[in-house]
């Protein structure tokens, strides 16, 4: 198994998960099993697929999991757009988290490109 702790994308994704948890603690209680849960699971999926892919034996396998991670990141972006529209987060919070998702997306793109 290859170590994933030295990957910049892992560190940024780990911080992203913590940020998502902090932001969603302020969501309405009735969203606990809906938007809050979906968003947290998608954020964890970004991180977990990087880790799982890193543990696979081939670069092709790793890339497949990076693509899945990227899909989960897109899912997070969608959920934050909904949260903004529903006023669960404000525009500044949205802009901040949106910049984080773009940064992670860029790092995923660069890592996938380097493996190809």
C-alpha atoms as a PDB file:
ATOM      1  CA  UNK A   1       0.000   0.000   0.000  1.00  0.00           C
ATOM      2  CA  UNK A   2       1.338   3.407  -0.976  1.00  0.00           C
ATOM      3  CA  UNK A   3       1.341   6.260   1.522  1.00  0.00           C
ATOM      4  CA  UNK A   4      -1.175   8.967   0.728  1.00  0.00           C
ATOM      5  CA  UNK A   5      -0.267  11.376   3.531  1.00  0.00           C
ATOM      6  CA  UNK A   6       2.413  13.049   1.430  1.00  0.00           C
ATOM      7  CA  UNK A   7      -0.052  13.979  -1.326  1.00  0.00           C
ATOM      8  CA  UNK A   8      -1.008  17.659  -1.377  1.00  0.00           C
ATOM      9  CA  UNK A   9      -4.438  16.680  -2.715  1.00  0.00           C
ATOM     10  CA  UNK A  10      -4.996  14.492   0.350  1.00  0.00           C
ATOM     11  CA  UNK A  11      -4.108  17.317   2.758  1.00  0.00           C
ATOM     12  CA  UNK A  12      -6.374  19.794   0.956  1.00  0.00           C
ATOM     13  CA  UNK A  13      -9.221  17.273   0.798  1.00  0.00           C
ATOM     14  CA  UNK A  14      -8.836  16.456   4.490  1.00  0.00           C
ATOM     15  CA  UNK A  15      -9.120  20.164   5.321  1.00  0.00           C
ATOM     16  CA  UNK A  16     -12.127  20.384   2.985  1.00  0.00           C
ATOM     17  CA  UNK A  17     -13.949  17.633   4.906  1.00  0.00           C
ATOM     18  CA  UNK A  18     -13.368  19.476   8.183  1.00  0.00           C
ATOM     19  CA  UNK A  19     -14.632  22.703   6.623  1.00  0.00           C
ATOM     20  CA  UNK A  20     -17.768  21.004   5.295  1.00  0.00           C
ATOM     21  CA  UNK A  21     -18.508  19.608   8.743  1.00  0.00           C
ATOM     22  CA  UNK A  22     -18.097  23.052  10.315  1.00  0.00           C
ATOM     23  CA  UNK A  23     -20.343  24.740   7.763  1.00  0.00           C
ATOM     24  CA  UNK A  24     -23.069  22.125   7.943  1.00  0.00           C
ATOM     25  CA  UNK A  25     -23.345  22.296  11.739  1.00  0.00           C
ATOM     26  CA  UNK A  26     -25.283  25.516  11.136  1.00  0.00           C
ATOM     27  CA  UNK A  27     -27.758  23.960   8.704  1.00  0.00           C
ATOM     28  CA  UNK A  28     -31.324  23.547   9.993  1.00  0.00           C
ATOM     29  CA  UNK A  29     -31.952  20.415  12.047  1.00  0.00           C
ATOM     30  CA  UNK A  30     -34.550  19.204   9.545  1.00  0.00           C
ATOM     31  CA  UNK A  31     -31.711  18.907   6.992  1.00  0.00           C
ATOM     32  CA  UNK A  32     -29.713  16.489   9.174  1.00  0.00           C
ATOM     33  CA  UNK A  33     -30.741  13.459   7.119  1.00  0.00           C
ATOM     34  CA  UNK A  34     -30.996  15.291   3.820  1.00  0.00           C
ATOM     35  CA  UNK A  35     -28.684  18.007   2.580  1.00  0.00           C
ATOM     36  CA  UNK A  36     -26.348  17.908   5.589  1.00  0.00           C
ATOM     37  CA  UNK A  37     -25.877  14.150   5.298  1.00  0.00           C
ATOM     38  CA  UNK A  38     -25.496  14.200   1.509  1.00  0.00           C
ATOM     39  CA  UNK A  39     -22.939  16.987   1.619  1.00  0.00           C
ATOM     40  CA  UNK A  40     -20.869  15.378   4.346  1.00  0.00           C
ATOM     41  CA  UNK A  41     -20.875  12.011   2.596  1.00  0.00           C
ATOM     42  CA  UNK A  42     -19.866  13.577  -0.725  1.00  0.00           C
ATOM     43  CA  UNK A  43     -17.002  15.488   0.945  1.00  0.00           C
ATOM     44  CA  UNK A  44     -15.790  12.329   2.659  1.00  0.00           C
ATOM     45  CA  UNK A  45     -16.036  10.521  -0.679  1.00  0.00           C
ATOM     46  CA  UNK A  46     -13.642  13.039  -2.243  1.00  0.00           C
ATOM     47  CA  UNK A  47     -11.055  12.170   0.390  1.00  0.00           C
ATOM     48  CA  UNK A  48     -11.789   8.453   0.674  1.00  0.00           C
ATOM     49  CA  UNK A  49     -11.507   7.799  -3.061  1.00  0.00           C
ATOM     50  CA  UNK A  50      -8.086   9.449  -3.156  1.00  0.00           C
ATOM     51  CA  UNK A  51      -6.980   7.179  -0.318  1.00  0.00           C
ATOM     52  CA  UNK A  52      -8.566   4.060  -1.789  1.00  0.00           C
ATOM     53  CA  UNK A  53      -7.125   4.742  -5.225  1.00  0.00           C
ATOM     54  CA  UNK A  54      -3.664   5.325  -3.807  1.00  0.00           C
ATOM     55  CA  UNK A  55      -3.807   1.860  -2.299  1.00  0.00           C
ATOM     56  CA  UNK A  56      -4.527   0.189  -5.634  1.00  0.00           C
ATOM     57  CA  UNK A  57      -1.758  -1.653  -7.462  1.00  0.00           C
ATOM     58  CA  UNK A  58      -1.789   0.259 -10.770  1.00  0.00           C
ATOM     59  CA  UNK A  59      -1.884   3.864 -11.921  1.00  0.00           C
ATOM     60  CA  UNK A  60      -4.926   3.021 -14.032  1.00  0.00           C
ATOM     61  CA  UNK A  61      -6.791   1.948 -10.895  1.00  0.00           C
ATOM     62  CA  UNK A  62      -5.628   5.064  -9.061  1.00  0.00           C
ATOM     63  CA  UNK A  63      -6.883   7.278 -11.896  1.00  0.00           C
ATOM     64  CA  UNK A  64     -10.290   5.634 -11.840  1.00  0.00           C
ATOM     65  CA  UNK A  65     -10.671   6.527  -8.165  1.00  0.00           C
ATOM     66  CA  UNK A  66      -9.447  10.066  -8.805  1.00  0.00           C
ATOM     67  CA  UNK A  67     -12.224  10.461 -11.371  1.00  0.00           C
ATOM     68  CA  UNK A  68     -14.742   9.220  -8.796  1.00  0.00           C
ATOM     69  CA  UNK A  69     -13.311  11.711  -6.311  1.00  0.00           C
ATOM     70  CA  UNK A  70     -13.771  14.463  -8.876  1.00  0.00           C
ATOM     71  CA  UNK A  71     -17.408  13.440  -9.334  1.00  0.00           C
ATOM     72  CA  UNK A  72     -17.974  13.667  -5.592  1.00  0.00           C
ATOM     73  CA  UNK A  73     -16.389  17.104  -5.602  1.00  0.00           C
ATOM     74  CA  UNK A  74     -18.837  18.221  -8.299  1.00  0.00           C
ATOM     75  CA  UNK A  75     -21.625  16.849  -6.134  1.00  0.00           C
ATOM     76  CA  UNK A  76     -20.402  19.036  -3.261  1.00  0.00           C
ATOM     77  CA  UNK A  77     -20.442  22.099  -5.494  1.00  0.00           C
ATOM     78  CA  UNK A  78     -24.043  21.393  -6.421  1.00  0.00           C
ATOM     79  CA  UNK A  79     -25.085  20.973  -2.787  1.00  0.00           C
ATOM     80  CA  UNK A  80     -23.416  24.220  -1.795  1.00  0.00           C
ATOM     81  CA  UNK A  81     -25.301  26.019  -4.563  1.00  0.00           C
ATOM     82  CA  UNK A  82     -28.510  24.643  -3.069  1.00  0.00           C
ATOM     83  CA  UNK A  83     -27.405  25.669   0.431  1.00  0.00           C
ATOM     84  CA  UNK A  84     -26.751  29.201  -0.808  1.00  0.00           C
ATOM     85  CA  UNK A  85     -30.118  29.394  -2.522  1.00  0.00           C
ATOM     86  CA  UNK A  86     -31.854  28.182   0.638  1.00  0.00           C
ATOM     87  CA  UNK A  87     -29.815  30.703   2.681  1.00  0.00           C
ATOM     88  CA  UNK A  88     -28.167  28.009   4.801  1.00  0.00           C
ATOM     89  CA  UNK A  89     -24.869  29.690   3.967  1.00  0.00           C
ATOM     90  CA  UNK A  90     -24.146  33.261   2.960  1.00  0.00           C
ATOM     91  CA  UNK A  91     -22.395  34.487  -0.189  1.00  0.00           C
ATOM     92  CA  UNK A  92     -19.026  34.899   1.544  1.00  0.00           C
ATOM     93  CA  UNK A  93     -19.165  31.330   2.862  1.00  0.00           C
ATOM     94  CA  UNK A  94     -20.188  30.087  -0.565  1.00  0.00           C
ATOM     95  CA  UNK A  95     -17.361  31.948  -2.289  1.00  0.00           C
ATOM     96  CA  UNK A  96     -14.852  30.599   0.223  1.00  0.00           C
ATOM     97  CA  UNK A  97     -15.960  26.970  -0.114  1.00  0.00           C
ATOM     98  CA  UNK A  98     -16.319  27.319  -3.875  1.00  0.00           C
ATOM     99  CA  UNK A  99     -12.692  28.444  -4.096  1.00  0.00           C
ATOM    100  CA  UNK A 100     -11.690  25.396  -2.054  1.00  0.00           C
ATOM    101  CA  UNK A 101     -13.561  23.075  -4.417  1.00  0.00           C
ATOM    102  CA  UNK A 102     -11.890  24.727  -7.413  1.00  0.00           C
ATOM    103  CA  UNK A 103      -8.474  24.289  -5.812  1.00  0.00           C
ATOM    104  CA  UNK A 104      -9.111  20.609  -5.127  1.00  0.00           C
ATOM    105  CA  UNK A 105     -10.506  20.150  -8.627  1.00  0.00           C
ATOM    106  CA  UNK A 106      -7.358  21.700 -10.080  1.00  0.00           C
ATOM    107  CA  UNK A 107      -5.139  19.452  -7.959  1.00  0.00           C
ATOM    108  CA  UNK A 108      -7.130  16.401  -9.082  1.00  0.00           C
ATOM    109  CA  UNK A 109      -6.789  17.481 -12.709  1.00  0.00           C
ATOM    110  CA  UNK A 110      -3.021  17.957 -12.338  1.00  0.00           C
ATOM    111  CA  UNK A 111      -2.585  14.597 -10.600  1.00  0.00           C
ATOM    112  CA  UNK A 112      -4.636  12.775 -13.233  1.00  0.00           C
ATOM    113  CA  UNK A 113      -2.668  14.521 -15.992  1.00  0.00           C
ATOM    114  CA  UNK A 114       0.641  13.533 -14.416  1.00  0.00           C
ATOM    115  CA  UNK A 115      -0.439   9.878 -14.234  1.00  0.00           C
ATOM    116  CA  UNK A 116      -1.626   9.761 -17.855  1.00  0.00           C
END
